[in-house]
């Protein structure tokens, strides 16, 4: 298949490009051209800022693809999603939109499934993703375009641009205590980036996936404290936990880049498994071990980390 990936050089999109090339697809990427050296051999690069709709239309004027994967978030509004589809109108077979589990209303009881009502619980980010989803679904209803919505949550793994698992690697290797917000009992669910990339690659061109949304993540739900304990086990490092309440209206306790929020985040993956036969190959412990190997290989254990704010809280 001829596949166009919007993004292609960061975390999820780069893993997707690698998976597509592995599977023998003809891949092109569209991005701002800031990291061309990251692209695998044989991948064609189209340099354009997707937020410039005129330039986008000109860049894609001669392109015809079997599948389009919209991964990049700049942030990306509904108008930007619409502009991308118009730039390829009549010349794309299947459009896959990478949304997020955060479109779901997290004030409702867990677990969240694909038909759980959506809401603006997560603010502007949720609004942009919900409105982007709606653009795709409207094109499916009104124009017959094959579209699929993918909703991952807390993606982890090599090249992660979110300082989540690496946040804890940094502290455990240095023998530092881990600050925990409150009791640390809110549930989280993590999905390995390679499993997400493989799932998206497997969906492309599959008519059964047209007009559908899928939660795509790992199978294990774990508390905030349980996540840190698991990482300590994987690293075989001793662990000291220091629980600290967040003052009303104050800044949250440092706990990864985005893991300190006060609600559960648990999702069913029954639909993608039963309808498409897609399941993850990484368990959370195995995926964390593989990510730690990458972290050491890249020398991230030697990177400078500023613990000043944490030291002040510990005092």
C-alpha atoms as a PDB file:
ATOM      1  CA  UNK A   1       0.000   0.000   0.000  1.00  0.00           C
ATOM      2  CA  UNK A   2       0.977   3.632  -0.510  1.00  0.00           C
ATOM      3  CA  UNK A   3       0.710   5.218   2.946  1.00  0.00           C
ATOM      4  CA  UNK A   4       1.073   8.862   3.938  1.00  0.00           C
ATOM      5  CA  UNK A   5       1.880   9.537   7.600  1.00  0.00           C
ATOM      6  CA  UNK A   6       1.376  13.065   8.884  1.00  0.00           C
ATOM      7  CA  UNK A   7       4.219  13.284  11.375  1.00  0.00           C
ATOM      8  CA  UNK A   8       6.725  10.475  10.994  1.00  0.00           C
ATOM      9  CA  UNK A   9       9.766  11.526  12.999  1.00  0.00           C
ATOM     10  CA  UNK A  10       8.541  11.586  16.619  1.00  0.00           C
ATOM     11  CA  UNK A  11       7.749   8.708  18.970  1.00  0.00           C
ATOM     12  CA  UNK A  12       4.419   7.136  17.847  1.00  0.00           C
ATOM     13  CA  UNK A  13       4.643   8.237  14.224  1.00  0.00           C
ATOM     14  CA  UNK A  14       8.264   7.111  13.843  1.00  0.00           C
ATOM     15  CA  UNK A  15       7.443   3.672  15.246  1.00  0.00           C
ATOM     16  CA  UNK A  16       4.504   3.527  12.827  1.00  0.00           C
ATOM     17  CA  UNK A  17       6.749   4.378   9.869  1.00  0.00           C
ATOM     18  CA  UNK A  18       9.153   1.627  10.926  1.00  0.00           C
ATOM     19  CA  UNK A  19       6.299  -0.882  11.211  1.00  0.00           C
ATOM     20  CA  UNK A  20       4.957   0.075   7.789  1.00  0.00           C
ATOM     21  CA  UNK A  21       8.356  -0.258   6.147  1.00  0.00           C
ATOM     22  CA  UNK A  22       8.873  -3.618   7.875  1.00  0.00           C
ATOM     23  CA  UNK A  23       5.589  -4.787   6.342  1.00  0.00           C
ATOM     24  CA  UNK A  24       6.666  -3.706   2.860  1.00  0.00           C
ATOM     25  CA  UNK A  25       4.522  -0.600   2.376  1.00  0.00           C
ATOM     26  CA  UNK A  26       5.504   2.418   0.282  1.00  0.00           C
ATOM     27  CA  UNK A  27       5.669   5.194   2.890  1.00  0.00           C
ATOM     28  CA  UNK A  28       5.774   8.975   2.673  1.00  0.00           C
ATOM     29  CA  UNK A  29       5.690  11.401   5.587  1.00  0.00           C
ATOM     30  CA  UNK A  30       4.498  14.978   5.798  1.00  0.00           C
ATOM     31  CA  UNK A  31       6.009  17.202   8.470  1.00  0.00           C
ATOM     32  CA  UNK A  32       7.961  20.419   8.999  1.00  0.00           C
ATOM     33  CA  UNK A  33      11.263  18.756   8.095  1.00  0.00           C
ATOM     34  CA  UNK A  34      12.991  19.381  11.420  1.00  0.00           C
ATOM     35  CA  UNK A  35      14.395  15.848  11.919  1.00  0.00           C
ATOM     36  CA  UNK A  36      14.985  14.308   8.477  1.00  0.00           C
ATOM     37  CA  UNK A  37      17.844  12.120   9.722  1.00  0.00           C
ATOM     38  CA  UNK A  38      15.422  10.051  11.821  1.00  0.00           C
ATOM     39  CA  UNK A  39      13.568   8.697   8.797  1.00  0.00           C
ATOM     40  CA  UNK A  40      14.287   5.106   7.744  1.00  0.00           C
ATOM     41  CA  UNK A  41      15.780   4.530   4.315  1.00  0.00           C
ATOM     42  CA  UNK A  42      13.251   4.491   1.508  1.00  0.00           C
ATOM     43  CA  UNK A  43      10.773   6.860   3.174  1.00  0.00           C
ATOM     44  CA  UNK A  44       9.837   9.910   1.088  1.00  0.00           C
ATOM     45  CA  UNK A  45       9.551  13.229   2.929  1.00  0.00           C
ATOM     46  CA  UNK A  46       7.085  15.992   2.087  1.00  0.00           C
ATOM     47  CA  UNK A  47       8.046  19.181   3.931  1.00  0.00           C
ATOM     48  CA  UNK A  48       5.102  21.340   4.944  1.00  0.00           C
ATOM     49  CA  UNK A  49       3.527  22.875   8.035  1.00  0.00           C
ATOM     50  CA  UNK A  50       0.085  21.281   8.171  1.00  0.00           C
ATOM     51  CA  UNK A  51      -1.303  24.396   9.846  1.00  0.00           C
ATOM     52  CA  UNK A  52      -0.634  26.368   6.636  1.00  0.00           C
ATOM     53  CA  UNK A  53      -3.647  25.130   4.688  1.00  0.00           C
ATOM     54  CA  UNK A  54      -2.626  26.723   1.411  1.00  0.00           C
ATOM     55  CA  UNK A  55       0.820  25.167   1.505  1.00  0.00           C
ATOM     56  CA  UNK A  56      -0.740  21.850   2.528  1.00  0.00           C
ATOM     57  CA  UNK A  57      -3.016  21.848  -0.525  1.00  0.00           C
ATOM     58  CA  UNK A  58      -0.113  22.660  -2.839  1.00  0.00           C
ATOM     59  CA  UNK A  59       2.177  20.028  -1.319  1.00  0.00           C
ATOM     60  CA  UNK A  60      -0.413  17.255  -1.596  1.00  0.00           C
ATOM     61  CA  UNK A  61      -1.849  18.281  -4.974  1.00  0.00           C
ATOM     62  CA  UNK A  62      -0.139  15.452  -6.851  1.00  0.00           C
ATOM     63  CA  UNK A  63      -0.384  12.801  -4.161  1.00  0.00           C
ATOM     64  CA  UNK A  64      -2.589   9.724  -4.315  1.00  0.00           C
ATOM     65  CA  UNK A  65      -2.467   7.253  -1.413  1.00  0.00           C
ATOM     66  CA  UNK A  66      -4.206   4.095  -0.316  1.00  0.00           C
ATOM     67  CA  UNK A  67      -4.076   5.153   3.320  1.00  0.00           C
ATOM     68  CA  UNK A  68      -3.537   8.297   5.363  1.00  0.00           C
ATOM     69  CA  UNK A  69      -2.547   8.260   9.058  1.00  0.00           C
ATOM     70  CA  UNK A  70      -2.967  11.562  10.884  1.00  0.00           C
ATOM     71  CA  UNK A  71      -0.682  11.375  13.920  1.00  0.00           C
ATOM     72  CA  UNK A  72       0.732  14.885  14.311  1.00  0.00           C
ATOM     73  CA  UNK A  73      -0.783  17.185  16.929  1.00  0.00           C
ATOM     74  CA  UNK A  74       0.406  20.780  16.759  1.00  0.00           C
ATOM     75  CA  UNK A  75      -2.205  21.385  18.434  1.00  0.00           C
ATOM     76  CA  UNK A  76      -4.474  20.372  15.583  1.00  0.00           C
ATOM     77  CA  UNK A  77      -8.006  21.733  15.297  1.00  0.00           C
ATOM     78  CA  UNK A  78     -10.999  20.422  13.374  1.00  0.00           C
ATOM     79  CA  UNK A  79     -10.222  22.954  10.637  1.00  0.00           C
ATOM     80  CA  UNK A  80      -6.732  21.485  10.268  1.00  0.00           C
ATOM     81  CA  UNK A  81      -8.137  17.949   9.981  1.00  0.00           C
ATOM     82  CA  UNK A  82     -10.668  19.155   7.411  1.00  0.00           C
ATOM     83  CA  UNK A  83      -7.933  20.897   5.405  1.00  0.00           C
ATOM     84  CA  UNK A  84      -5.895  17.685   5.266  1.00  0.00           C
ATOM     85  CA  UNK A  85      -8.840  15.670   3.972  1.00  0.00           C
ATOM     86  CA  UNK A  86      -9.680  18.332   1.381  1.00  0.00           C
ATOM     87  CA  UNK A  87      -6.073  18.394   0.185  1.00  0.00           C
ATOM     88  CA  UNK A  88      -6.378  14.673  -0.640  1.00  0.00           C
ATOM     89  CA  UNK A  89     -10.065  14.602  -1.579  1.00  0.00           C
ATOM     90  CA  UNK A  90     -10.798  11.792  -4.020  1.00  0.00           C
ATOM     91  CA  UNK A  91      -7.214  10.525  -3.776  1.00  0.00           C
ATOM     92  CA  UNK A  92      -7.198   8.619  -0.478  1.00  0.00           C
ATOM     93  CA  UNK A  93      -8.732   5.245   0.283  1.00  0.00           C
ATOM     94  CA  UNK A  94      -8.614   5.010   4.081  1.00  0.00           C
ATOM     95  CA  UNK A  95      -8.020   7.772   6.668  1.00  0.00           C
ATOM     96  CA  UNK A  96      -6.907   6.765  10.155  1.00  0.00           C
ATOM     97  CA  UNK A  97      -7.040   9.451  12.850  1.00  0.00           C
ATOM     98  CA  UNK A  98      -5.017   9.097  16.033  1.00  0.00           C
ATOM     99  CA  UNK A  99      -7.290  10.458  18.734  1.00  0.00           C
ATOM    100  CA  UNK A 100      -7.019   9.733  22.474  1.00  0.00           C
ATOM    101  CA  UNK A 101      -8.728   7.929  25.328  1.00  0.00           C
ATOM    102  CA  UNK A 102      -9.163  11.384  26.824  1.00  0.00           C
ATOM    103  CA  UNK A 103     -12.158  12.071  24.619  1.00  0.00           C
ATOM    104  CA  UNK A 104     -14.143   9.930  27.093  1.00  0.00           C
ATOM    105  CA  UNK A 105     -15.962  11.491  30.040  1.00  0.00           C
ATOM    106  CA  UNK A 106     -13.680  10.583  32.948  1.00  0.00           C
ATOM    107  CA  UNK A 107     -16.294  11.655  35.481  1.00  0.00           C
ATOM    108  CA  UNK A 108     -18.155   8.436  34.597  1.00  0.00           C
ATOM    109  CA  UNK A 109     -17.416   5.026  36.160  1.00  0.00           C
ATOM    110  CA  UNK A 110     -14.603   2.952  34.667  1.00  0.00           C
ATOM    111  CA  UNK A 111     -13.867   1.155  32.429  1.00  0.00           C
ATOM    112  CA  UNK A 112     -14.373   3.352  29.364  1.00  0.00           C
ATOM    113  CA  UNK A 113     -15.400   1.694  26.099  1.00  0.00           C
ATOM    114  CA  UNK A 114     -15.755   3.093  22.608  1.00  0.00           C
ATOM    115  CA  UNK A 115     -19.386   4.118  23.183  1.00  0.00           C
ATOM    116  CA  UNK A 116     -18.739   5.850  26.513  1.00  0.00           C
ATOM    117  CA  UNK A 117     -19.997   9.437  26.131  1.00  0.00           C
ATOM    118  CA  UNK A 118     -17.375  11.969  25.163  1.00  0.00           C
ATOM    119  CA  UNK A 119     -16.907  15.218  27.061  1.00  0.00           C
ATOM    120  CA  UNK A 120     -14.573  18.166  27.616  1.00  0.00           C
ATOM    121  CA  UNK A 121     -13.341  16.728  30.917  1.00  0.00           C
ATOM    122  CA  UNK A 122      -9.790  17.134  29.576  1.00  0.00           C
ATOM    123  CA  UNK A 123     -10.331  20.652  28.266  1.00  0.00           C
ATOM    124  CA  UNK A 124      -9.003  22.032  25.002  1.00  0.00           C
ATOM    125  CA  UNK A 125      -7.084  18.873  24.130  1.00  0.00           C
ATOM    126  CA  UNK A 126     -10.275  16.824  24.351  1.00  0.00           C
ATOM    127  CA  UNK A 127     -12.171  19.449  22.366  1.00  0.00           C
ATOM    128  CA  UNK A 128      -9.691  19.341  19.493  1.00  0.00           C
ATOM    129  CA  UNK A 129      -9.646  15.547  19.385  1.00  0.00           C
ATOM    130  CA  UNK A 130     -13.457  15.235  19.603  1.00  0.00           C
ATOM    131  CA  UNK A 131     -13.960  17.797  16.853  1.00  0.00           C
ATOM    132  CA  UNK A 132     -11.293  16.079  14.746  1.00  0.00           C
ATOM    133  CA  UNK A 133     -13.088  12.755  15.211  1.00  0.00           C
ATOM    134  CA  UNK A 134     -16.344  14.392  14.149  1.00  0.00           C
ATOM    135  CA  UNK A 135     -14.800  15.708  10.934  1.00  0.00           C
ATOM    136  CA  UNK A 136     -13.668  12.190   9.984  1.00  0.00           C
ATOM    137  CA  UNK A 137     -17.034  10.635  10.836  1.00  0.00           C
ATOM    138  CA  UNK A 138     -18.852  13.268   8.800  1.00  0.00           C
ATOM    139  CA  UNK A 139     -16.667  12.499   5.772  1.00  0.00           C
ATOM    140  CA  UNK A 140     -17.476   8.831   6.268  1.00  0.00           C
ATOM    141  CA  UNK A 141     -21.241   9.456   6.402  1.00  0.00           C
ATOM    142  CA  UNK A 142     -21.506  12.058   3.678  1.00  0.00           C
ATOM    143  CA  UNK A 143     -18.730  11.083   1.248  1.00  0.00           C
ATOM    144  CA  UNK A 144     -18.209   7.391   1.917  1.00  0.00           C
ATOM    145  CA  UNK A 145     -14.566   7.829   2.918  1.00  0.00           C
ATOM    146  CA  UNK A 146     -13.213   4.901   4.886  1.00  0.00           C
ATOM    147  CA  UNK A 147     -12.199   6.311   8.264  1.00  0.00           C
ATOM    148  CA  UNK A 148     -10.995   4.771  11.533  1.00  0.00           C
ATOM    149  CA  UNK A 149     -10.467   6.428  14.912  1.00  0.00           C
ATOM    150  CA  UNK A 150      -7.733   5.098  17.193  1.00  0.00           C
ATOM    151  CA  UNK A 151      -7.789   6.039  20.878  1.00  0.00           C
ATOM    152  CA  UNK A 152      -4.571   5.217  22.727  1.00  0.00           C
ATOM    153  CA  UNK A 153      -3.730   6.214  26.298  1.00  0.00           C
ATOM    154  CA  UNK A 154      -0.423   6.693  28.140  1.00  0.00           C
ATOM    155  CA  UNK A 155       1.787   5.356  25.383  1.00  0.00           C
ATOM    156  CA  UNK A 156       5.232   4.325  26.624  1.00  0.00           C
ATOM    157  CA  UNK A 157       8.363   2.817  25.160  1.00  0.00           C
ATOM    158  CA  UNK A 158      11.598   3.795  23.382  1.00  0.00           C
ATOM    159  CA  UNK A 159      11.742   7.399  22.122  1.00  0.00           C
ATOM    160  CA  UNK A 160       8.895   8.499  24.386  1.00  0.00           C
ATOM    161  CA  UNK A 161       8.491  12.279  24.273  1.00  0.00           C
ATOM    162  CA  UNK A 162       6.588  12.125  27.588  1.00  0.00           C
ATOM    163  CA  UNK A 163       8.824  11.943  30.637  1.00  0.00           C
ATOM    164  CA  UNK A 164       6.825   9.233  32.391  1.00  0.00           C
ATOM    165  CA  UNK A 165       8.633   5.916  32.731  1.00  0.00           C
ATOM    166  CA  UNK A 166      11.989   7.686  32.280  1.00  0.00           C
ATOM    167  CA  UNK A 167      11.055  10.038  35.146  1.00  0.00           C
ATOM    168  CA  UNK A 168      11.103   7.073  37.508  1.00  0.00           C
ATOM    169  CA  UNK A 169      14.170   5.483  35.883  1.00  0.00           C
ATOM    170  CA  UNK A 170      16.079   8.713  36.616  1.00  0.00           C
ATOM    171  CA  UNK A 171      15.211   8.683  40.300  1.00  0.00           C
ATOM    172  CA  UNK A 172      15.513   4.987  41.055  1.00  0.00           C
ATOM    173  CA  UNK A 173      18.971   4.715  39.473  1.00  0.00           C
ATOM    174  CA  UNK A 174      20.145   7.589  41.679  1.00  0.00           C
ATOM    175  CA  UNK A 175      18.687   6.053  44.823  1.00  0.00           C
ATOM    176  CA  UNK A 176      16.236   8.897  45.281  1.00  0.00           C
ATOM    177  CA  UNK A 177      12.854   8.622  47.012  1.00  0.00           C
ATOM    178  CA  UNK A 178       9.769   8.867  44.831  1.00  0.00           C
ATOM    179  CA  UNK A 179       7.226  11.511  45.768  1.00  0.00           C
ATOM    180  CA  UNK A 180       3.660  10.216  45.397  1.00  0.00           C
ATOM    181  CA  UNK A 181       0.602  12.459  45.074  1.00  0.00           C
ATOM    182  CA  UNK A 182      -1.714  11.597  47.967  1.00  0.00           C
ATOM    183  CA  UNK A 183      -2.343   7.888  48.365  1.00  0.00           C
ATOM    184  CA  UNK A 184      -1.250   7.146  44.792  1.00  0.00           C
ATOM    185  CA  UNK A 185      -4.285   4.957  44.258  1.00  0.00           C
ATOM    186  CA  UNK A 186      -5.631   6.287  40.961  1.00  0.00           C
ATOM    187  CA  UNK A 187      -5.600   3.624  38.259  1.00  0.00           C
ATOM    188  CA  UNK A 188      -3.610   4.071  35.058  1.00  0.00           C
ATOM    189  CA  UNK A 189      -3.356   2.014  31.876  1.00  0.00           C
ATOM    190  CA  UNK A 190      -0.324   1.986  29.589  1.00  0.00           C
ATOM    191  CA  UNK A 191       0.176   0.810  26.022  1.00  0.00           C
ATOM    192  CA  UNK A 192       3.521   0.033  24.396  1.00  0.00           C
ATOM    193  CA  UNK A 193       4.315   2.195  21.374  1.00  0.00           C
ATOM    194  CA  UNK A 194       5.235  -0.804  19.208  1.00  0.00           C
ATOM    195  CA  UNK A 195       1.879  -2.437  19.939  1.00  0.00           C
ATOM    196  CA  UNK A 196       0.105   0.780  18.951  1.00  0.00           C
ATOM    197  CA  UNK A 197       2.113   1.047  15.728  1.00  0.00           C
ATOM    198  CA  UNK A 198       1.464  -2.605  14.871  1.00  0.00           C
ATOM    199  CA  UNK A 199      -2.269  -2.170  15.532  1.00  0.00           C
ATOM    200  CA  UNK A 200      -2.526   0.845  13.242  1.00  0.00           C
ATOM    201  CA  UNK A 201      -0.549  -0.861  10.502  1.00  0.00           C
ATOM    202  CA  UNK A 202      -2.845  -3.899  10.755  1.00  0.00           C
ATOM    203  CA  UNK A 203      -5.979  -1.748  10.400  1.00  0.00           C
ATOM    204  CA  UNK A 204      -5.019   0.011   7.188  1.00  0.00           C
ATOM    205  CA  UNK A 205      -7.248  -0.930   4.295  1.00  0.00           C
ATOM    206  CA  UNK A 206      -9.424  -3.211   6.449  1.00  0.00           C
ATOM    207  CA  UNK A 207     -13.039  -2.456   5.502  1.00  0.00           C
ATOM    208  CA  UNK A 208     -14.336  -3.870   8.781  1.00  0.00           C
ATOM    209  CA  UNK A 209     -12.549  -0.971  10.507  1.00  0.00           C
ATOM    210  CA  UNK A 210     -14.257   1.735   8.410  1.00  0.00           C
ATOM    211  CA  UNK A 211     -16.485   4.039  10.445  1.00  0.00           C
ATOM    212  CA  UNK A 212     -15.211   2.552  13.713  1.00  0.00           C
ATOM    213  CA  UNK A 213     -13.388   3.788  16.822  1.00  0.00           C
ATOM    214  CA  UNK A 214     -11.050   1.543  18.810  1.00  0.00           C
ATOM    215  CA  UNK A 215      -9.402   1.866  22.198  1.00  0.00           C
ATOM    216  CA  UNK A 216      -5.837   0.641  21.702  1.00  0.00           C
ATOM    217  CA  UNK A 217      -3.725   0.142  24.813  1.00  0.00           C
ATOM    218  CA  UNK A 218      -2.260  -2.528  27.063  1.00  0.00           C
ATOM    219  CA  UNK A 219      -4.321  -4.935  29.129  1.00  0.00           C
ATOM    220  CA  UNK A 220      -2.990  -4.176  32.625  1.00  0.00           C
ATOM    221  CA  UNK A 221      -4.459  -1.462  34.832  1.00  0.00           C
ATOM    222  CA  UNK A 222      -2.217  -0.409  37.720  1.00  0.00           C
ATOM    223  CA  UNK A 223      -2.329   2.217  40.457  1.00  0.00           C
ATOM    224  CA  UNK A 224       0.153   5.080  40.477  1.00  0.00           C
ATOM    225  CA  UNK A 225       2.003   3.420  43.363  1.00  0.00           C
ATOM    226  CA  UNK A 226       1.803   0.026  41.670  1.00  0.00           C
ATOM    227  CA  UNK A 227       3.377   1.474  38.523  1.00  0.00           C
ATOM    228  CA  UNK A 228       6.371   2.764  40.473  1.00  0.00           C
ATOM    229  CA  UNK A 229       6.704  -0.508  42.393  1.00  0.00           C
ATOM    230  CA  UNK A 230       6.666  -2.421  39.116  1.00  0.00           C
ATOM    231  CA  UNK A 231       9.404  -0.219  37.664  1.00  0.00           C
ATOM    232  CA  UNK A 232      11.500  -0.719  40.796  1.00  0.00           C
ATOM    233  CA  UNK A 233      11.089  -4.480  40.388  1.00  0.00           C
ATOM    234  CA  UNK A 234      12.093  -4.323  36.718  1.00  0.00           C
ATOM    235  CA  UNK A 235      15.180  -2.254  37.563  1.00  0.00           C
ATOM    236  CA  UNK A 236      15.893  -4.373  40.685  1.00  0.00           C
ATOM    237  CA  UNK A 237      16.387  -1.186  42.678  1.00  0.00           C
ATOM    238  CA  UNK A 238      15.229  -0.461  46.231  1.00  0.00           C
ATOM    239  CA  UNK A 239      12.246   1.867  46.495  1.00  0.00           C
ATOM    240  CA  UNK A 240      11.336   4.552  49.017  1.00  0.00           C
ATOM    241  CA  UNK A 241       7.931   6.191  48.617  1.00  0.00           C
ATOM    242  CA  UNK A 242       7.077   9.564  50.164  1.00  0.00           C
ATOM    243  CA  UNK A 243       3.369  10.403  50.050  1.00  0.00           C
ATOM    244  CA  UNK A 244       2.489  14.070  49.915  1.00  0.00           C
ATOM    245  CA  UNK A 245      -0.916  15.719  49.532  1.00  0.00           C
ATOM    246  CA  UNK A 246      -1.274  18.430  46.925  1.00  0.00           C
ATOM    247  CA  UNK A 247      -2.308  21.723  48.572  1.00  0.00           C
ATOM    248  CA  UNK A 248      -5.673  23.036  47.428  1.00  0.00           C
ATOM    249  CA  UNK A 249      -5.005  25.179  44.401  1.00  0.00           C
ATOM    250  CA  UNK A 250      -1.300  24.318  44.517  1.00  0.00           C
ATOM    251  CA  UNK A 251       0.966  22.605  42.026  1.00  0.00           C
ATOM    252  CA  UNK A 252       0.702  18.824  41.946  1.00  0.00           C
ATOM    253  CA  UNK A 253       3.498  16.664  43.314  1.00  0.00           C
ATOM    254  CA  UNK A 254       6.028  15.826  40.555  1.00  0.00           C
ATOM    255  CA  UNK A 255       5.016  12.381  39.320  1.00  0.00           C
ATOM    256  CA  UNK A 256       5.971  11.697  35.753  1.00  0.00           C
ATOM    257  CA  UNK A 257       4.986  14.230  33.144  1.00  0.00           C
ATOM    258  CA  UNK A 258       1.254  13.634  33.217  1.00  0.00           C
ATOM    259  CA  UNK A 259       0.416  10.869  35.698  1.00  0.00           C
ATOM    260  CA  UNK A 260      -0.650  12.867  38.771  1.00  0.00           C
ATOM    261  CA  UNK A 261      -4.269  13.695  37.899  1.00  0.00           C
ATOM    262  CA  UNK A 262      -7.124  12.759  40.251  1.00  0.00           C
ATOM    263  CA  UNK A 263      -9.275  10.248  38.415  1.00  0.00           C
ATOM    264  CA  UNK A 264      -9.089   6.668  37.166  1.00  0.00           C
ATOM    265  CA  UNK A 265      -8.175   6.027  33.528  1.00  0.00           C
ATOM    266  CA  UNK A 266      -9.070   2.459  32.527  1.00  0.00           C
ATOM    267  CA  UNK A 267     -10.257   1.348  29.085  1.00  0.00           C
ATOM    268  CA  UNK A 268     -11.652  -1.819  27.541  1.00  0.00           C
ATOM    269  CA  UNK A 269      -9.880  -3.239  24.497  1.00  0.00           C
ATOM    270  CA  UNK A 270     -12.467  -5.917  23.794  1.00  0.00           C
ATOM    271  CA  UNK A 271     -13.592  -4.348  20.519  1.00  0.00           C
ATOM    272  CA  UNK A 272     -10.225  -4.237  18.763  1.00  0.00           C
ATOM    273  CA  UNK A 273      -9.428  -7.776  19.921  1.00  0.00           C
ATOM    274  CA  UNK A 274     -12.757  -9.357  18.977  1.00  0.00           C
ATOM    275  CA  UNK A 275     -13.508  -7.399  15.790  1.00  0.00           C
ATOM    276  CA  UNK A 276     -10.014  -7.214  14.274  1.00  0.00           C
ATOM    277  CA  UNK A 277      -8.040  -9.880  16.142  1.00  0.00           C
ATOM    278  CA  UNK A 278      -5.485  -7.296  17.284  1.00  0.00           C
ATOM    279  CA  UNK A 279      -3.826  -7.804  20.654  1.00  0.00           C
ATOM    280  CA  UNK A 280      -0.644  -6.426  22.274  1.00  0.00           C
ATOM    281  CA  UNK A 281       2.524  -8.503  22.357  1.00  0.00           C
ATOM    282  CA  UNK A 282       4.102  -6.579  25.254  1.00  0.00           C
ATOM    283  CA  UNK A 283       3.039  -7.067  28.843  1.00  0.00           C
ATOM    284  CA  UNK A 284       3.688  -4.030  31.007  1.00  0.00           C
ATOM    285  CA  UNK A 285       6.698  -5.573  32.847  1.00  0.00           C
ATOM    286  CA  UNK A 286       8.278  -6.803  29.613  1.00  0.00           C
ATOM    287  CA  UNK A 287       7.658  -3.492  27.872  1.00  0.00           C
ATOM    288  CA  UNK A 288       9.205  -1.539  30.735  1.00  0.00           C
ATOM    289  CA  UNK A 289      12.248  -3.818  30.709  1.00  0.00           C
ATOM    290  CA  UNK A 290      12.693  -3.245  26.973  1.00  0.00           C
ATOM    291  CA  UNK A 291      12.287   0.524  27.458  1.00  0.00           C
ATOM    292  CA  UNK A 292      14.897   0.504  30.227  1.00  0.00           C
ATOM    293  CA  UNK A 293      17.341  -1.251  27.902  1.00  0.00           C
ATOM    294  CA  UNK A 294      16.800   1.552  25.366  1.00  0.00           C
ATOM    295  CA  UNK A 295      17.239   4.180  28.106  1.00  0.00           C
ATOM    296  CA  UNK A 296      20.626   2.727  29.072  1.00  0.00           C
ATOM    297  CA  UNK A 297      21.692   2.230  25.462  1.00  0.00           C
ATOM    298  CA  UNK A 298      21.017   5.909  24.727  1.00  0.00           C
ATOM    299  CA  UNK A 299      22.968   7.000  27.795  1.00  0.00           C
ATOM    300  CA  UNK A 300      19.951   8.668  29.353  1.00  0.00           C
ATOM    301  CA  UNK A 301      21.052   7.400  32.765  1.00  0.00           C
ATOM    302  CA  UNK A 302      23.853   9.996  32.544  1.00  0.00           C
ATOM    303  CA  UNK A 303      21.683  12.952  31.636  1.00  0.00           C
ATOM    304  CA  UNK A 304      21.567  15.873  34.097  1.00  0.00           C
ATOM    305  CA  UNK A 305      18.336  16.111  36.103  1.00  0.00           C
ATOM    306  CA  UNK A 306      17.331  19.048  38.300  1.00  0.00           C
ATOM    307  CA  UNK A 307      15.887  17.787  41.590  1.00  0.00           C
ATOM    308  CA  UNK A 308      15.766  21.181  43.305  1.00  0.00           C
ATOM    309  CA  UNK A 309      11.975  21.400  43.504  1.00  0.00           C
ATOM    310  CA  UNK A 310      11.665  17.823  44.763  1.00  0.00           C
ATOM    311  CA  UNK A 311      14.330  18.390  47.393  1.00  0.00           C
ATOM    312  CA  UNK A 312      12.379  21.373  48.659  1.00  0.00           C
ATOM    313  CA  UNK A 313       9.219  19.257  48.959  1.00  0.00           C
ATOM    314  CA  UNK A 314      11.118  16.464  50.703  1.00  0.00           C
ATOM    315  CA  UNK A 315      12.514  18.928  53.239  1.00  0.00           C
END
